[in-house]
Amino acid sequence: MSDRFTHFDAEGQAHMVDVGDKEVTERLAVASGSIRMQGSTLAMILEGGHKKGDVLGVARIAGIMGAKRTAELVPLCHPLPLTKVGIEFTPDTRLDSIHCHATAKTRGQTGVEMEALCAVQVALLTIYDMCKAVDRGMVIENVRLEEKSGGKSGHWRRSDFPDA
């Protein structure tokens, strides 16, 4: 881990990090987050009874699109040629929530953590958008990086991530 913020130059000015001399490696990032809602909202999503259609199917596509557009949303991110973006949803009827798990991969000179995190956020925001007419009190929470690999810093995994 670095002991300084890399997106500032010696004078303290924001800049895009030069990755031109970095080695091209396989890069992977996994992020997750959840959205809590009323039990009736979750039931409606799981039964496919939402008038807007397949909520999780639309949210999955939105998450993939979010990963692909990360550099347009986060000012100092490099545009990356993503080789894979996967979005998985796990409903939890006990907690009236849906857990989102995103995996992003590339072969390049910089990591894909921001793409995985953006994918989770956009997927969960899409669920909120599609369901807000029946449940404005939904809460998006616990969005975080779970794991990353590749590059000079190597492999990192959150200690409370399953199978850590």
Protein backbone atom coordinates (compact mmCIF):
# COMPACT_ATOMS: atom_id res chain seq x y z
CA MET A 1 0.00 0.00 0.00
CA SER A 2 1.17 3.52 -0.75
CA ASP A 3 1.71 6.08 1.99
CA ARG A 4 0.34 8.88 -0.20
CA PHE A 5 -2.56 9.68 -2.50
CA THR A 6 -1.46 8.89 -6.05
CA HIS A 7 -3.87 11.25 -7.82
CA PHE A 8 -1.95 14.37 -6.73
CA ASP A 9 1.35 15.58 -8.14
CA ALA A 10 4.29 17.00 -6.12
CA GLU A 11 2.55 20.41 -6.02
CA GLY A 12 -0.71 18.93 -4.74
CA GLN A 13 -2.57 19.31 -8.04
CA ALA A 14 -4.99 16.58 -9.12
CA HIS A 15 -3.77 14.56 -12.09
CA MET A 16 -4.39 11.32 -13.91
CA VAL A 17 -1.74 8.79 -12.85
CA ASP A 18 0.70 7.85 -15.63
CA VAL A 19 0.44 4.09 -16.02
CA GLY A 20 2.41 3.97 -19.27
CA ASP A 21 5.46 2.26 -17.76
CA LYS A 22 3.49 -0.25 -15.68
CA GLU A 23 3.51 -3.92 -16.63
CA VAL A 24 0.47 -5.33 -18.41
CA THR A 25 -1.05 -8.02 -16.17
CA GLU A 26 -4.34 -9.81 -15.63
CA ARG A 27 -6.43 -7.64 -13.33
CA LEU A 28 -9.48 -8.68 -11.35
CA ALA A 29 -11.68 -6.90 -8.83
CA VAL A 30 -14.70 -8.06 -6.86
CA ALA A 31 -17.07 -5.64 -5.14
CA SER A 32 -20.35 -6.05 -3.31
CA GLY A 33 -23.21 -4.14 -1.74
CA SER A 34 -26.84 -4.52 -0.74
CA ILE A 35 -30.18 -2.79 -0.96
CA ARG A 36 -32.69 -3.16 1.89
CA MET A 37 -36.40 -2.74 1.22
CA GLN A 38 -39.85 -3.59 2.47
CA GLY A 39 -40.65 -7.30 2.44
CA SER A 40 -43.52 -6.67 0.04
CA THR A 41 -41.16 -4.93 -2.40
CA LEU A 42 -38.75 -7.86 -2.34
CA ALA A 43 -41.63 -10.29 -2.85
CA MET A 44 -42.83 -8.29 -5.85
CA ILE A 45 -39.32 -8.41 -7.39
CA LEU A 46 -38.91 -12.14 -6.76
CA GLU A 47 -42.38 -13.01 -8.07
CA GLY A 48 -41.77 -11.02 -11.24
CA GLY A 49 -44.88 -9.00 -10.49
CA HIS A 50 -43.33 -5.58 -11.01
CA LYS A 51 -45.10 -3.70 -13.79
CA LYS A 52 -41.74 -2.48 -15.16
CA GLY A 53 -40.64 -6.06 -15.84
CA ASP A 54 -37.63 -8.11 -14.74
CA VAL A 55 -36.06 -5.81 -12.14
CA LEU A 56 -32.95 -7.91 -11.59
CA GLY A 57 -32.42 -8.52 -15.31
CA VAL A 58 -32.51 -4.79 -16.03
CA ALA A 59 -30.27 -4.07 -13.01
CA ARG A 60 -27.74 -6.67 -14.22
CA ILE A 61 -27.45 -4.95 -17.61
CA ALA A 62 -27.24 -1.55 -15.90
CA GLY A 63 -24.40 -2.78 -13.68
CA ILE A 64 -22.46 -4.01 -16.71
CA MET A 65 -23.03 -0.68 -18.44
CA GLY A 66 -21.93 1.15 -15.27
CA ALA A 67 -18.63 -0.74 -15.25
CA LYS A 68 -18.08 0.07 -18.93
CA ARG A 69 -18.72 3.80 -18.35
CA THR A 70 -16.71 4.25 -15.13
CA ALA A 71 -14.07 6.49 -16.71
CA GLU A 72 -16.85 8.88 -17.81
CA LEU A 73 -18.18 9.13 -14.24
CA VAL A 74 -15.03 9.14 -12.09
CA PRO A 75 -12.82 11.98 -13.36
CA LEU A 76 -9.33 10.50 -12.95
CA CYS A 77 -10.08 6.88 -13.93
CA HIS A 78 -8.47 5.46 -17.04
CA PRO A 79 -10.80 4.04 -19.68
CA LEU A 80 -10.19 0.29 -19.65
CA PRO A 81 -10.82 -2.50 -22.15
CA LEU A 82 -12.84 -4.76 -19.88
CA THR A 83 -12.62 -8.46 -20.69
CA LYS A 84 -15.43 -9.48 -18.32
CA VAL A 85 -18.05 -7.96 -16.07
CA GLY A 86 -20.27 -10.29 -14.08
CA ILE A 87 -23.18 -9.27 -11.85
CA GLU A 88 -24.83 -11.68 -9.42
CA PHE A 89 -27.81 -11.00 -7.18
CA THR A 90 -28.66 -12.93 -4.04
CA PRO A 91 -32.04 -12.16 -2.45
CA ASP A 92 -32.24 -12.42 1.36
CA THR A 93 -35.85 -12.74 2.52
CA ARG A 94 -34.73 -12.83 6.16
CA LEU A 95 -33.26 -9.30 5.88
CA ASP A 96 -35.58 -8.07 3.09
CA SER A 97 -32.60 -7.23 0.91
CA ILE A 98 -30.82 -8.05 -2.30
CA HIS A 99 -27.07 -8.52 -2.25
CA CYS A 100 -25.12 -7.57 -5.40
CA HIS A 101 -21.74 -9.06 -6.24
CA ALA A 102 -19.77 -7.67 -9.23
CA THR A 103 -16.62 -9.02 -10.84
CA ALA A 104 -14.59 -6.99 -13.33
CA LYS A 105 -11.59 -8.22 -15.32
CA THR A 106 -9.11 -6.73 -17.76
CA ARG A 107 -5.62 -7.25 -19.04
CA GLY A 108 -3.90 -3.93 -18.62
CA GLN A 109 -1.69 -1.51 -16.74
CA THR A 110 -4.13 -0.43 -14.04
CA GLY A 111 -6.70 -2.15 -11.85
CA VAL A 112 -10.44 -2.54 -12.21
CA GLU A 113 -11.52 -1.80 -8.63
CA MET A 114 -13.45 1.31 -9.64
CA GLU A 115 -15.25 -0.58 -12.40
CA ALA A 116 -16.41 -3.30 -9.99
CA LEU A 117 -17.51 -0.71 -7.42
CA CYS A 118 -19.32 1.34 -10.06
CA ALA A 119 -21.06 -1.79 -11.36
CA VAL A 120 -22.45 -2.54 -7.89
CA GLN A 121 -23.62 1.04 -7.34
CA VAL A 122 -25.34 1.34 -10.72
CA ALA A 123 -27.01 -2.07 -10.38
CA LEU A 124 -28.36 -1.18 -6.93
CA LEU A 125 -29.42 2.30 -8.06
CA THR A 126 -31.34 0.67 -10.90
CA ILE A 127 -33.22 -1.54 -8.45
CA TYR A 128 -34.03 1.60 -6.45
CA ASP A 129 -35.18 3.45 -9.57
CA MET A 130 -37.41 0.64 -10.75
CA CYS A 131 -39.01 0.12 -7.32
CA LYS A 132 -39.19 3.63 -5.86
CA ALA A 133 -42.86 4.03 -6.79
CA VAL A 134 -43.74 1.37 -4.19
CA ASP A 135 -40.87 1.82 -1.71
CA ARG A 136 -39.01 5.13 -1.38
CA GLY A 137 -37.38 4.02 1.88
CA MET A 138 -34.96 1.52 0.32
CA VAL A 139 -31.38 1.79 1.59
CA ILE A 140 -28.24 1.05 -0.42
CA GLU A 141 -25.49 -0.04 1.98
CA ASN A 142 -22.17 -1.74 2.52
CA VAL A 143 -20.74 -1.10 -0.95
CA ARG A 144 -17.12 -2.19 -0.76
CA LEU A 145 -14.20 -3.78 -2.50
CA GLU A 146 -13.92 -7.45 -1.54
CA GLU A 147 -10.88 -8.54 -3.53
CA LYS A 148 -8.40 -7.40 -6.17
CA SER A 149 -5.54 -9.06 -7.94
CA GLY A 150 -2.91 -8.17 -10.51
CA GLY A 151 -0.34 -5.46 -10.83
CA LYS A 152 2.56 -4.48 -8.64
CA SER A 153 0.55 -4.60 -5.41
CA GLY A 154 -0.53 -8.18 -6.12
CA HIS A 155 -3.46 -9.86 -4.44
CA TRP A 156 -5.60 -8.31 -1.70
CA ARG A 157 -8.67 -9.80 -0.08
CA ARG A 158 -10.93 -8.33 2.60
CA SER A 159 -10.37 -10.37 5.75
CA ASP A 160 -14.11 -10.86 6.32
CA PHE A 161 -14.76 -11.92 2.72
CA PRO A 162 -15.97 -15.54 2.48
CA ASP A 163 -13.17 -18.08 2.02
CA ALA A 164 -10.56 -15.50 3.08
